[in-house]
Amino acid sequence: MPPKQIRVLNVAEKPSVAREITKHLGGGRAQNLRSGPGIHLAEFPFTLRNTAVTMVVTAIRGHLLELDFQEDYKMWKSHPP
């Protein structure tokens, strides 16, 4: 059985930021899955903490007004990434 592929989702605050993340981290290896006015979805191979992963980068539009996380996850610094 082949090893499980790890995919890391990166969500940017707007499409232009997602494009910049892809440009800088992808190093020209990014495959644009969707691109257009206000739409960005790309993926590329990346090494994260000495582990080969597939980075997926996308963006949201508008504002996230409220997120309701479980109590265990409300303190971001208390959990490893």
Protein backbone atom coordinates (compact mmCIF):
# COMPACT_ATOMS: atom_id res chain seq x y z
CA MET A 1 0.00 0.00 0.00
CA PRO A 2 1.51 3.38 -1.01
CA PRO A 3 2.03 6.00 1.70
CA LYS A 4 -0.88 8.36 2.32
CA GLN A 5 -0.55 11.65 0.46
CA ILE A 6 -0.67 14.68 2.73
CA ARG A 7 -2.50 17.73 1.40
CA VAL A 8 -2.16 21.08 3.19
CA LEU A 9 -4.92 23.63 2.60
CA ASN A 10 -3.95 27.32 2.60
CA VAL A 11 -6.86 29.78 2.57
CA ALA A 12 -5.94 33.39 1.82
CA GLU A 13 -8.04 36.42 2.64
CA LYS A 14 -8.39 37.37 -1.03
CA PRO A 15 -7.48 35.97 -4.47
CA SER A 16 -4.51 38.31 -5.02
CA VAL A 17 -2.91 37.04 -1.80
CA ALA A 18 -3.55 33.44 -2.85
CA ARG A 19 -1.79 34.12 -6.16
CA GLU A 20 1.22 35.60 -4.32
CA ILE A 21 1.42 32.64 -1.93
CA THR A 22 1.33 30.29 -4.92
CA LYS A 23 3.98 32.31 -6.77
CA HIS A 24 6.40 32.44 -3.83
CA LEU A 25 5.96 28.97 -2.37
CA GLY A 26 5.22 27.14 -5.62
CA GLY A 27 8.44 28.18 -7.31
CA GLY A 28 6.98 27.74 -10.79
CA ARG A 29 5.73 24.21 -10.03
CA ALA A 30 2.14 25.21 -9.32
CA GLN A 31 -0.70 23.74 -11.30
CA ASN A 32 -3.57 26.21 -11.57
CA LEU A 33 -6.77 24.25 -11.22
CA ARG A 34 -9.03 27.26 -11.55
CA SER A 35 -8.19 30.85 -12.23
CA GLY A 36 -10.26 33.81 -13.24
CA PRO A 37 -11.68 37.05 -11.88
CA GLY A 38 -11.92 36.49 -8.14
CA ILE A 39 -11.14 32.76 -8.35
CA HIS A 40 -7.88 31.07 -7.44
CA LEU A 41 -7.21 27.40 -6.80
CA ALA A 42 -3.75 25.95 -7.26
CA GLU A 43 -1.67 23.07 -5.97
CA PHE A 44 2.02 22.24 -5.96
CA PRO A 45 4.52 19.92 -4.31
CA PHE A 46 6.16 21.33 -1.19
CA THR A 47 8.37 20.14 1.66
CA LEU A 48 6.96 21.04 5.07
CA ARG A 49 8.94 20.07 8.16
CA ASN A 50 10.96 17.56 6.11
CA THR A 51 7.77 15.93 4.80
CA ALA A 52 6.67 15.93 1.17
CA VAL A 53 3.17 17.39 0.90
CA THR A 54 0.86 18.82 -1.73
CA MET A 55 0.02 22.44 -0.98
CA VAL A 56 -3.45 23.56 -2.04
CA VAL A 57 -4.00 27.32 -2.15
CA THR A 58 -7.34 29.06 -2.51
CA ALA A 59 -9.03 32.24 -1.31
CA ILE A 60 -12.28 33.46 0.14
CA ARG A 61 -14.19 36.53 -0.88
CA GLY A 62 -16.02 38.73 1.56
CA HIS A 63 -15.69 38.73 5.31
CA LEU A 64 -15.83 35.90 7.79
CA LEU A 65 -17.84 37.45 10.56
CA GLU A 66 -17.94 34.61 13.03
CA LEU A 67 -16.26 31.27 13.46
CA ASP A 68 -17.34 28.89 16.18
CA PHE A 69 -14.47 26.56 17.07
CA GLN A 70 -14.59 23.77 19.60
CA GLU A 71 -13.33 24.91 22.99
CA ASP A 72 -10.09 22.90 22.56
CA TYR A 73 -9.23 24.85 19.39
CA LYS A 74 -10.03 28.41 20.45
CA MET A 75 -6.44 29.01 21.60
CA TRP A 76 -4.39 28.70 18.40
CA LYS A 77 -1.03 28.59 20.17
CA SER A 78 -2.03 25.61 22.27
CA HIS A 79 -2.00 23.17 19.31
CA PRO A 80 0.75 22.25 16.86
CA PRO A 81 0.07 23.22 13.23
